C-alpha atoms as a PDB file:
ATOM      1  CA  UNK A   1       0.093   2.987  -7.480  1.00  0.00           C
ATOM      2  CA  UNK A   2       3.090   5.010  -8.717  1.00  0.00           C
ATOM      3  CA  UNK A   3       0.986   8.162  -8.537  1.00  0.00           C
ATOM      4  CA  UNK A   4       0.343   7.447  -4.863  1.00  0.00           C
ATOM      5  CA  UNK A   5       4.068   7.301  -4.113  1.00  0.00           C
ATOM      6  CA  UNK A   6       5.043  10.260  -6.305  1.00  0.00           C
ATOM      7  CA  UNK A   7       2.378  12.327  -4.541  1.00  0.00           C
ATOM      8  CA  UNK A   8       4.123  11.579  -1.241  1.00  0.00           C
ATOM      9  CA  UNK A   9       7.472  12.660  -2.676  1.00  0.00           C
ATOM     10  CA  UNK A  10       6.072  15.896  -4.099  1.00  0.00           C
ATOM     11  CA  UNK A  11       4.180  16.650  -0.884  1.00  0.00           C
ATOM     12  CA  UNK A  12       7.265  16.138   1.282  1.00  0.00           C
ATOM     13  CA  UNK A  13       9.324  18.428  -0.956  1.00  0.00           C
ATOM     14  CA  UNK A  14       6.904  21.327  -1.288  1.00  0.00           C
ATOM     15  CA  UNK A  15       5.367  21.266   2.213  1.00  0.00           C
ATOM     16  CA  UNK A  16       8.369  23.018   3.863  1.00  0.00           C
ATOM     17  CA  UNK A  17       8.346  25.655   1.107  1.00  0.00           C
ATOM     18  CA  UNK A  18       4.616  26.275   1.569  1.00  0.00           C
ATOM     19  CA  UNK A  19       5.039  26.456   5.353  1.00  0.00           C
ATOM     20  CA  UNK A  20       7.798  29.039   4.998  1.00  0.00           C
ATOM     21  CA  UNK A  21       5.471  31.251   2.932  1.00  0.00           C
ATOM     22  CA  UNK A  22       1.996  30.525   4.313  1.00  0.00           C
ATOM     23  CA  UNK A  23       2.599  29.202   7.799  1.00  0.00           C
ATOM     24  CA  UNK A  24       2.128  25.758   9.304  1.00  0.00           C
ATOM     25  CA  UNK A  25      -1.473  25.446   8.057  1.00  0.00           C
ATOM     26  CA  UNK A  26      -0.571  26.334   4.458  1.00  0.00           C
ATOM     27  CA  UNK A  27       0.002  22.736   3.238  1.00  0.00           C
ATOM     28  CA  UNK A  28      -3.290  21.576   4.764  1.00  0.00           C
ATOM     29  CA  UNK A  29      -5.258  24.276   2.938  1.00  0.00           C
ATOM     30  CA  UNK A  30      -3.524  23.880  -0.420  1.00  0.00           C
ATOM     31  CA  UNK A  31      -3.534  20.065  -0.421  1.00  0.00           C
ATOM     32  CA  UNK A  32      -7.171  20.115   0.689  1.00  0.00           C
ATOM     33  CA  UNK A  33      -8.139  22.384  -2.233  1.00  0.00           C
ATOM     34  CA  UNK A  34      -6.359  20.049  -4.637  1.00  0.00           C
ATOM     35  CA  UNK A  35      -8.447  17.254  -3.134  1.00  0.00           C
ATOM     36  CA  UNK A  36     -11.647  19.052  -4.157  1.00  0.00           C
ATOM     37  CA  UNK A  37     -10.323  19.465  -7.713  1.00  0.00           C
ATOM     38  CA  UNK A  38      -9.480  15.760  -7.838  1.00  0.00           C
ATOM     39  CA  UNK A  39     -13.018  14.838  -6.756  1.00  0.00           C
ATOM     40  CA  UNK A  40     -14.477  16.853  -9.642  1.00  0.00           C
ATOM     41  CA  UNK A  41     -12.308  15.005 -12.146  1.00  0.00           C
ATOM     42  CA  UNK A  42     -13.077  11.642 -10.539  1.00  0.00           C
ATOM     43  CA  UNK A  43     -16.851  12.135 -10.596  1.00  0.00           C
ATOM     44  CA  UNK A  44     -16.908  12.821 -14.328  1.00  0.00           C
ATOM     45  CA  UNK A  45     -14.233  10.339 -15.432  1.00  0.00           C
ATOM     46  CA  UNK A  46     -15.221   7.073 -13.730  1.00  0.00           C
ATOM     47  CA  UNK A  47     -17.903   4.408 -13.997  1.00  0.00           C
ATOM     48  CA  UNK A  48     -18.908   1.317 -12.034  1.00  0.00           C
ATOM     49  CA  UNK A  49     -17.783  -1.128 -14.723  1.00  0.00           C
ATOM     50  CA  UNK A  50     -15.871  -0.809 -18.017  1.00  0.00           C
ATOM     51  CA  UNK A  51     -18.974  -1.481 -20.120  1.00  0.00           C
ATOM     52  CA  UNK A  52     -20.751   1.503 -18.519  1.00  0.00           C
ATOM     53  CA  UNK A  53     -18.033   4.047 -19.265  1.00  0.00           C
ATOM     54  CA  UNK A  54     -19.353   6.565 -21.816  1.00  0.00           C
ATOM     55  CA  UNK A  55     -15.996   6.997 -23.559  1.00  0.00           C
ATOM     56  CA  UNK A  56     -14.762   3.394 -23.780  1.00  0.00           C
ATOM     57  CA  UNK A  57     -14.256   1.970 -27.261  1.00  0.00           C
ATOM     58  CA  UNK A  58     -15.511  -1.449 -28.294  1.00  0.00           C
ATOM     59  CA  UNK A  59     -11.893  -2.546 -28.847  1.00  0.00           C
ATOM     60  CA  UNK A  60     -10.799  -1.505 -25.351  1.00  0.00           C
ATOM     61  CA  UNK A  61     -13.820  -3.143 -23.741  1.00  0.00           C
ATOM     62  CA  UNK A  62     -13.158  -6.375 -25.612  1.00  0.00           C
ATOM     63  CA  UNK A  63      -9.492  -6.271 -24.577  1.00  0.00           C
ATOM     64  CA  UNK A  64     -10.369  -5.791 -20.887  1.00  0.00           C
ATOM     65  CA  UNK A  65     -12.996  -8.533 -20.827  1.00  0.00           C
ATOM     66  CA  UNK A  66     -10.704 -10.954 -22.668  1.00  0.00           C
ATOM     67  CA  UNK A  67      -7.894 -10.275 -20.178  1.00  0.00           C
ATOM     68  CA  UNK A  68     -10.284 -10.983 -17.293  1.00  0.00           C
ATOM     69  CA  UNK A  69     -11.490 -14.143 -19.058  1.00  0.00           C
ATOM     70  CA  UNK A  70     -15.076 -13.027 -18.534  1.00  0.00           C
ATOM     71  CA  UNK A  71     -17.929 -13.130 -21.055  1.00  0.00           C
ATOM     72  CA  UNK A  72     -18.573  -9.961 -23.001  1.00  0.00           C
ATOM     73  CA  UNK A  73     -21.460  -8.076 -21.398  1.00  0.00           C
ATOM     74  CA  UNK A  74     -24.321  -6.465 -23.233  1.00  0.00           C
ATOM     75  CA  UNK A  75     -23.506  -2.765 -22.978  1.00  0.00           C
ATOM     76  CA  UNK A  76     -27.183  -1.955 -22.540  1.00  0.00           C
ATOM     77  CA  UNK A  77     -27.755  -4.635 -19.902  1.00  0.00           C
ATOM     78  CA  UNK A  78     -29.184  -3.151 -16.667  1.00  0.00           C
ATOM     79  CA  UNK A  79     -27.128  -3.597 -13.512  1.00  0.00           C
ATOM     80  CA  UNK A  80     -28.210  -6.619 -11.473  1.00  0.00           C
ATOM     81  CA  UNK A  81     -29.105  -6.343  -7.829  1.00  0.00           C
ATOM     82  CA  UNK A  82     -26.607  -7.798  -5.396  1.00  0.00           C
ATOM     83  CA  UNK A  83     -27.074  -9.637  -2.155  1.00  0.00           C
ATOM     84  CA  UNK A  84     -25.659  -8.466   1.180  1.00  0.00           C
ATOM     85  CA  UNK A  85     -22.050  -9.711   1.420  1.00  0.00           C
ATOM     86  CA  UNK A  86     -21.614 -12.782   3.663  1.00  0.00           C
ATOM     87  CA  UNK A  87     -19.464 -11.082   6.292  1.00  0.00           C
ATOM     88  CA  UNK A  88     -19.440 -14.086   8.621  1.00  0.00           C
ATOM     89  CA  UNK A  89     -18.251 -16.367   5.823  1.00  0.00           C
ATOM     90  CA  UNK A  90     -15.610 -13.863   4.761  1.00  0.00           C
ATOM     91  CA  UNK A  91     -14.238 -13.638   8.288  1.00  0.00           C
ATOM     92  CA  UNK A  92     -14.327 -17.420   8.769  1.00  0.00           C
ATOM     93  CA  UNK A  93     -11.583 -17.999   6.171  1.00  0.00           C
ATOM     94  CA  UNK A  94      -7.902 -17.603   7.013  1.00  0.00           C
ATOM     95  CA  UNK A  95      -7.000 -16.046   3.618  1.00  0.00           C
ATOM     96  CA  UNK A  96      -9.246 -13.128   4.603  1.00  0.00           C
ATOM     97  CA  UNK A  97      -7.258 -12.682   7.809  1.00  0.00           C
ATOM     98  CA  UNK A  98      -4.048 -12.979   5.822  1.00  0.00           C
ATOM     99  CA  UNK A  99      -5.245 -10.021   3.734  1.00  0.00           C
ATOM    100  CA  UNK A 100      -6.270  -8.017   6.805  1.00  0.00           C
ATOM    101  CA  UNK A 101      -2.979  -8.654   8.607  1.00  0.00           C
ATOM    102  CA  UNK A 102      -0.956  -7.849   5.474  1.00  0.00           C
ATOM    103  CA  UNK A 103      -2.792  -4.571   4.959  1.00  0.00           C
ATOM    104  CA  UNK A 104      -2.342  -3.735   8.638  1.00  0.00           C
ATOM    105  CA  UNK A 105       1.408  -4.328   8.534  1.00  0.00           C
ATOM    106  CA  UNK A 106       1.828  -2.546   5.222  1.00  0.00           C
ATOM    107  CA  UNK A 107      -0.028   0.516   6.544  1.00  0.00           C
ATOM    108  CA  UNK A 108       1.829   0.450   9.870  1.00  0.00           C
ATOM    109  CA  UNK A 109       5.233   0.591   8.200  1.00  0.00           C
ATOM    110  CA  UNK A 110       4.101   2.903   5.409  1.00  0.00           C
ATOM    111  CA  UNK A 111       2.554   5.643   7.522  1.00  0.00           C
ATOM    112  CA  UNK A 112       5.083   5.462  10.355  1.00  0.00           C
ATOM    113  CA  UNK A 113       7.854   6.101   7.843  1.00  0.00           C
ATOM    114  CA  UNK A 114       5.861   8.772   6.000  1.00  0.00           C
ATOM    115  CA  UNK A 115       4.972  10.628   9.221  1.00  0.00           C
ATOM    116  CA  UNK A 116       8.132  10.301  11.267  1.00  0.00           C
ATOM    117  CA  UNK A 117      11.135  10.143   8.944  1.00  0.00           C
ATOM    118  CA  UNK A 118      11.618  13.916   8.536  1.00  0.00           C
ATOM    119  CA  UNK A 119      11.621  14.225  12.343  1.00  0.00           C
ATOM    120  CA  UNK A 120      13.896  11.166  12.563  1.00  0.00           C
ATOM    121  CA  UNK A 121      16.533  12.820  10.366  1.00  0.00           C
ATOM    122  CA  UNK A 122      16.120  16.095  12.212  1.00  0.00           C
ATOM    123  CA  UNK A 123      16.430  14.449  15.648  1.00  0.00           C
ATOM    124  CA  UNK A 124      19.095  11.809  15.028  1.00  0.00           C
ATOM    125  CA  UNK A 125      21.286  13.535  12.431  1.00  0.00           C
ATOM    126  CA  UNK A 126      20.386  17.170  13.165  1.00  0.00           C
ATOM    127  CA  UNK A 127      19.317  17.815   9.593  1.00  0.00           C
ATOM    128  CA  UNK A 128      16.998  20.821   9.208  1.00  0.00           C
ATOM    129  CA  UNK A 129      13.444  20.055   8.134  1.00  0.00           C
ATOM    130  CA  UNK A 130      13.865  21.250   4.545  1.00  0.00           C
ATOM    131  CA  UNK A 131      16.926  19.023   4.054  1.00  0.00           C
ATOM    132  CA  UNK A 132      15.163  16.224   5.922  1.00  0.00           C
ATOM    133  CA  UNK A 133      12.331  16.456   3.393  1.00  0.00           C
ATOM    134  CA  UNK A 134      14.781  15.642   0.596  1.00  0.00           C
ATOM    135  CA  UNK A 135      16.147  12.646   2.493  1.00  0.00           C
ATOM    136  CA  UNK A 136      12.580  11.489   3.164  1.00  0.00           C
ATOM    137  CA  UNK A 137      11.245  12.049  -0.380  1.00  0.00           C
ATOM    138  CA  UNK A 138      13.768   9.889  -2.241  1.00  0.00           C
ATOM    139  CA  UNK A 139      12.387   6.575  -0.871  1.00  0.00           C
ATOM    140  CA  UNK A 140       8.930   7.320  -2.282  1.00  0.00           C
ATOM    141  CA  UNK A 141      10.356   7.853  -5.758  1.00  0.00           C
ATOM    142  CA  UNK A 142      12.106   4.501  -5.422  1.00  0.00           C
ATOM    143  CA  UNK A 143       8.836   2.921  -4.304  1.00  0.00           C
ATOM    144  CA  UNK A 144       7.114   4.184  -7.451  1.00  0.00           C
ATOM    145  CA  UNK A 145       9.849   2.654  -9.632  1.00  0.00           C
ATOM    146  CA  UNK A 146      10.114  -0.676  -7.809  1.00  0.00           C
ATOM    147  CA  UNK A 147       6.326  -0.991  -7.693  1.00  0.00           C
ATOM    148  CA  UNK A 148       6.345  -1.171 -11.485  1.00  0.00           C
ATOM    149  CA  UNK A 149       9.229  -3.680 -11.418  1.00  0.00           C
ATOM    150  CA  UNK A 150       7.297  -5.835  -8.941  1.00  0.00           C
ATOM    151  CA  UNK A 151       4.145  -5.740 -11.055  1.00  0.00           C
ATOM    152  CA  UNK A 152       5.953  -6.656 -14.259  1.00  0.00           C
ATOM    153  CA  UNK A 153       7.943  -9.332 -12.437  1.00  0.00           C
ATOM    154  CA  UNK A 154       4.889 -10.977 -10.899  1.00  0.00           C
ATOM    155  CA  UNK A 155       3.115 -11.080 -14.269  1.00  0.00           C
ATOM    156  CA  UNK A 156       6.226 -12.640 -15.820  1.00  0.00           C
ATOM    157  CA  UNK A 157       6.366 -15.329 -13.120  1.00  0.00           C
ATOM    158  CA  UNK A 158       2.730 -16.275 -13.738  1.00  0.00           C
ATOM    159  CA  UNK A 159       3.210 -16.339 -17.528  1.00  0.00           C
ATOM    160  CA  UNK A 160       6.214 -18.622 -17.067  1.00  0.00           C
ATOM    161  CA  UNK A 161       4.206 -21.168 -15.087  1.00  0.00           C
ATOM    162  CA  UNK A 162       4.601 -20.132 -11.451  1.00  0.00           C
ATOM    163  CA  UNK A 163       1.302 -20.562  -9.628  1.00  0.00           C
ATOM    164  CA  UNK A 164      -0.593 -17.460  -8.590  1.00  0.00           C
ATOM    165  CA  UNK A 165      -0.360 -18.547  -4.940  1.00  0.00           C
ATOM    166  CA  UNK A 166       3.438 -18.909  -5.089  1.00  0.00           C
ATOM    167  CA  UNK A 167       3.785 -15.610  -6.936  1.00  0.00           C
ATOM    168  CA  UNK A 168       1.767 -13.711  -4.349  1.00  0.00           C
ATOM    169  CA  UNK A 169       3.765 -15.289  -1.520  1.00  0.00           C
ATOM    170  CA  UNK A 170       7.071 -14.426  -3.197  1.00  0.00           C
ATOM    171  CA  UNK A 171       6.059 -10.822  -3.803  1.00  0.00           C
ATOM    172  CA  UNK A 172       4.642 -10.315  -0.324  1.00  0.00           C
ATOM    173  CA  UNK A 173       7.653 -11.950   1.322  1.00  0.00           C
ATOM    174  CA  UNK A 174       9.936  -9.483  -0.462  1.00  0.00           C
ATOM    175  CA  UNK A 175       7.546  -6.690   0.524  1.00  0.00           C
ATOM    176  CA  UNK A 176       7.806  -7.571   4.218  1.00  0.00           C
ATOM    177  CA  UNK A 177      11.175  -9.252   4.794  1.00  0.00           C
ATOM    178  CA  UNK A 178      13.001  -6.648   2.690  1.00  0.00           C
ATOM    179  CA  UNK A 179      11.784  -3.646   4.723  1.00  0.00           C
ATOM    180  CA  UNK A 180      12.310  -5.585   7.965  1.00  0.00           C
ATOM    181  CA  UNK A 181      15.984  -6.141   7.160  1.00  0.00           C
ATOM    182  CA  UNK A 182      16.400  -2.584   5.874  1.00  0.00           C
ATOM    183  CA  UNK A 183      15.007  -1.087   9.079  1.00  0.00           C
ATOM    184  CA  UNK A 184      17.579  -3.063  11.066  1.00  0.00           C
ATOM    185  CA  UNK A 185      20.228  -1.553   8.788  1.00  0.00           C
ATOM    186  CA  UNK A 186      18.729   1.906   9.357  1.00  0.00           C
ATOM    187  CA  UNK A 187      19.114   1.342  13.079  1.00  0.00           C
ATOM    188  CA  UNK A 188      22.856   0.847  12.648  1.00  0.00           C
ATOM    189  CA  UNK A 189      23.459   3.773  10.249  1.00  0.00           C
ATOM    190  CA  UNK A 190      25.947   6.364  11.458  1.00  0.00           C
ATOM    191  CA  UNK A 191      25.305   9.229   9.012  1.00  0.00           C
ATOM    192  CA  UNK A 192      22.265  10.597   7.151  1.00  0.00           C
ATOM    193  CA  UNK A 193      23.419   9.374   3.739  1.00  0.00           C
ATOM    194  CA  UNK A 194      23.709   5.745   4.836  1.00  0.00           C
ATOM    195  CA  UNK A 195      20.426   6.092   6.736  1.00  0.00           C
ATOM    196  CA  UNK A 196      18.758   7.470   3.604  1.00  0.00           C
ATOM    197  CA  UNK A 197      20.030   4.490   1.598  1.00  0.00           C
ATOM    198  CA  UNK A 198      18.558   2.009   4.092  1.00  0.00           C
ATOM    199  CA  UNK A 199      15.310   3.967   4.262  1.00  0.00           C
ATOM    200  CA  UNK A 200      15.107   4.011   0.461  1.00  0.00           C
ATOM    201  CA  UNK A 201      15.572   0.229   0.424  1.00  0.00           C
ATOM    202  CA  UNK A 202      12.882  -0.258   3.095  1.00  0.00           C
ATOM    203  CA  UNK A 203      10.270   1.876   1.352  1.00  0.00           C
ATOM    204  CA  UNK A 204      11.184   0.682  -2.143  1.00  0.00           C
ATOM    205  CA  UNK A 205      10.900  -3.002  -1.258  1.00  0.00           C
ATOM    206  CA  UNK A 206       7.614  -2.296   0.506  1.00  0.00           C
ATOM    207  CA  UNK A 207       6.135  -1.693  -2.954  1.00  0.00           C
ATOM    208  CA  UNK A 208       6.306  -5.440  -3.670  1.00  0.00           C
ATOM    209  CA  UNK A 209       3.230  -5.680  -1.436  1.00  0.00           C
ATOM    210  CA  UNK A 210       1.246  -4.146  -4.304  1.00  0.00           C
ATOM    211  CA  UNK A 211       1.843  -7.372  -6.224  1.00  0.00           C
ATOM    212  CA  UNK A 212       1.090  -9.411  -3.119  1.00  0.00           C
ATOM    213  CA  UNK A 213      -1.925  -8.729  -0.942  1.00  0.00           C
ATOM    214  CA  UNK A 214      -3.223  -5.735  -2.893  1.00  0.00           C
ATOM    215  CA  UNK A 215      -4.111  -7.699  -6.032  1.00  0.00           C
ATOM    216  CA  UNK A 216      -4.921 -10.876  -4.108  1.00  0.00           C
ATOM    217  CA  UNK A 217      -8.234  -9.311  -3.087  1.00  0.00           C
ATOM    218  CA  UNK A 218      -9.560  -9.766  -6.614  1.00  0.00           C
ATOM    219  CA  UNK A 219      -8.202 -13.283  -6.967  1.00  0.00           C
ATOM    220  CA  UNK A 220      -9.738 -15.033  -3.977  1.00  0.00           C
ATOM    221  CA  UNK A 221     -13.184 -13.394  -4.301  1.00  0.00           C
ATOM    222  CA  UNK A 222     -13.663 -11.097  -7.301  1.00  0.00           C
ATOM    223  CA  UNK A 223     -17.358 -10.681  -6.504  1.00  0.00           C
ATOM    224  CA  UNK A 224     -16.475  -9.403  -3.020  1.00  0.00           C
ATOM    225  CA  UNK A 225     -13.225  -7.602  -3.857  1.00  0.00           C
ATOM    226  CA  UNK A 226     -14.634  -4.227  -2.788  1.00  0.00           C
ATOM    227  CA  UNK A 227     -15.901  -5.613   0.516  1.00  0.00           C
ATOM    228  CA  UNK A 228     -12.592  -7.368   1.221  1.00  0.00           C
ATOM    229  CA  UNK A 229     -10.719  -4.210   0.348  1.00  0.00           C
ATOM    230  CA  UNK A 230     -12.847  -2.246   2.796  1.00  0.00           C
ATOM    231  CA  UNK A 231     -12.405  -4.829   5.540  1.00  0.00           C
ATOM    232  CA  UNK A 232      -8.646  -5.049   5.092  1.00  0.00           C
ATOM    233  CA  UNK A 233      -8.387  -1.262   4.863  1.00  0.00           C
ATOM    234  CA  UNK A 234     -10.137  -1.008   8.219  1.00  0.00           C
ATOM    235  CA  UNK A 235      -7.361  -3.116   9.709  1.00  0.00           C
ATOM    236  CA  UNK A 236      -4.792  -1.058   7.802  1.00  0.00           C
ATOM    237  CA  UNK A 237      -6.218   2.258   8.996  1.00  0.00           C
ATOM    238  CA  UNK A 238      -6.338   1.154  12.626  1.00  0.00           C
ATOM    239  CA  UNK A 239      -2.761  -0.116  12.387  1.00  0.00           C
ATOM    240  CA  UNK A 240      -1.631   3.157  10.800  1.00  0.00           C
ATOM    241  CA  UNK A 241      -3.221   5.172  13.611  1.00  0.00           C
ATOM    242  CA  UNK A 242      -1.757   2.949  16.333  1.00  0.00           C
ATOM    243  CA  UNK A 243       1.669   2.878  14.668  1.00  0.00           C
ATOM    244  CA  UNK A 244       1.884   6.618  14.040  1.00  0.00           C
ATOM    245  CA  UNK A 245       0.661   7.611  17.497  1.00  0.00           C
ATOM    246  CA  UNK A 246       2.559   4.746  19.119  1.00  0.00           C
ATOM    247  CA  UNK A 247       5.823   5.837  17.533  1.00  0.00           C
ATOM    248  CA  UNK A 248       5.529   9.250  19.172  1.00  0.00           C
ATOM    249  CA  UNK A 249       4.620   7.748  22.534  1.00  0.00           C
ATOM    250  CA  UNK A 250       7.407   5.176  22.280  1.00  0.00           C
ATOM    251  CA  UNK A 251      10.038   7.783  21.419  1.00  0.00           C
ATOM    252  CA  UNK A 252       8.814  10.076  24.187  1.00  0.00           C
ATOM    253  CA  UNK A 253       9.041   7.292  26.780  1.00  0.00           C
ATOM    254  CA  UNK A 254      12.231   5.617  25.558  1.00  0.00           C
ATOM    255  CA  UNK A 255      14.017   8.682  24.196  1.00  0.00           C
ATOM    256  CA  UNK A 256      15.024   6.917  20.969  1.00  0.00           C
ATOM    257  CA  UNK A 257      13.665   5.758  17.618  1.00  0.00           C
ATOM    258  CA  UNK A 258      15.799   2.621  17.636  1.00  0.00           C
ATOM    259  CA  UNK A 259      13.525   0.474  19.779  1.00  0.00           C
ATOM    260  CA  UNK A 260      10.480   1.318  17.682  1.00  0.00           C
ATOM    261  CA  UNK A 261      12.327   0.524  14.463  1.00  0.00           C
ATOM    262  CA  UNK A 262      13.294  -2.869  15.886  1.00  0.00           C
ATOM    263  CA  UNK A 263       9.662  -3.509  16.888  1.00  0.00           C
ATOM    264  CA  UNK A 264       8.470  -2.611  13.390  1.00  0.00           C
ATOM    265  CA  UNK A 265      11.094  -4.885  11.859  1.00  0.00           C
ATOM    266  CA  UNK A 266       9.952  -7.786  14.065  1.00  0.00           C
ATOM    267  CA  UNK A 267       6.319  -7.186  13.062  1.00  0.00           C
ATOM    268  CA  UNK A 268       7.338  -7.288   9.391  1.00  0.00           C
ATOM    269  CA  UNK A 269       8.924 -10.727   9.854  1.00  0.00           C
ATOM    270  CA  UNK A 270       5.913 -12.104  11.767  1.00  0.00           C
ATOM    271  CA  UNK A 271       3.506 -10.772   9.138  1.00  0.00           C
ATOM    272  CA  UNK A 272       5.527 -12.383   6.340  1.00  0.00           C
ATOM    273  CA  UNK A 273       5.288 -15.777   8.087  1.00  0.00           C
ATOM    274  CA  UNK A 274       1.539 -15.389   8.667  1.00  0.00           C
ATOM    275  CA  UNK A 275       0.999 -14.470   5.010  1.00  0.00           C
ATOM    276  CA  UNK A 276       3.067 -17.367   3.674  1.00  0.00           C
ATOM    277  CA  UNK A 277       1.125 -19.853   5.802  1.00  0.00           C
ATOM    278  CA  UNK A 278      -2.444 -18.706   5.139  1.00  0.00           C
ATOM    279  CA  UNK A 279      -2.535 -16.760   1.850  1.00  0.00           C
ATOM    280  CA  UNK A 280      -3.727 -18.306  -1.405  1.00  0.00           C
ATOM    281  CA  UNK A 281      -4.102 -17.222  -5.002  1.00  0.00           C
ATOM    282  CA  UNK A 282      -7.015 -19.566  -5.657  1.00  0.00           C
ATOM    283  CA  UNK A 283     -10.614 -18.463  -5.720  1.00  0.00           C
ATOM    284  CA  UNK A 284     -12.478 -19.222  -2.478  1.00  0.00           C
ATOM    285  CA  UNK A 285     -16.129 -20.147  -2.233  1.00  0.00           C
ATOM    286  CA  UNK A 286     -17.600 -17.746   0.307  1.00  0.00           C
ATOM    287  CA  UNK A 287     -21.192 -18.633  -0.563  1.00  0.00           C
ATOM    288  CA  UNK A 288     -21.283 -22.405  -0.088  1.00  0.00           C
ATOM    289  CA  UNK A 289     -21.423 -24.482   3.038  1.00  0.00           C
ATOM    290  CA  UNK A 290     -18.346 -25.290   5.081  1.00  0.00           C
END
């Protein structure tokens, strides 16, 4: 996930430079072209499963399968047909809704900050957009670093005997409560440097969600991890759209970012409570009765 965050930082830094040379549509064209290049690499460098990758070594395959505690597959074995996912069963379990709500809150906070923070610094602290890009890029670098810390920390907790359920709840609580508190601090900041510090804390701590709900998808239903990811991403995408558009509407009506930051902070706290009540790290039977 570090590449995801570093891409945000790089994009925020170079977008003003591109706009100054190629106009307001310049970043859209250049980033879009890079997207096509990425697709070409992706198409030729990926496979459905490790055992079907043309360049994987026997040692690496054995290492992956051992880590997953799954039986070694026959490399030549044809892919088995799969049944239609039991959507009704998936939606009947509260851990599924915990995943959907967590993704929704994570995306709400993530994309509101990504979209609006340069304008926030420009509006509140009268920082020009190029300087605002620097203030807004630093948090994403911190998120890349803390995301690794969170991943290593969660693995260490599990190795030392902490249950998977407790580990996911700890990580996700940090990933929600931390940004909630930091946004309240951002609301009280009186200069752009203090505001940048609070924003960096909010975005950085948000990365703990990667060791919370994001990996939990594969733990509760590995056979439906892709379906669960798609379902939770639907909630996340809708929340991101509502949050990003809602922030603009809210600021236009209220004349201030402060109220919206307080609302987002409150939603973080509520989402943390919902996650801690209903999330689990244990595998769930979505195929049986009940």
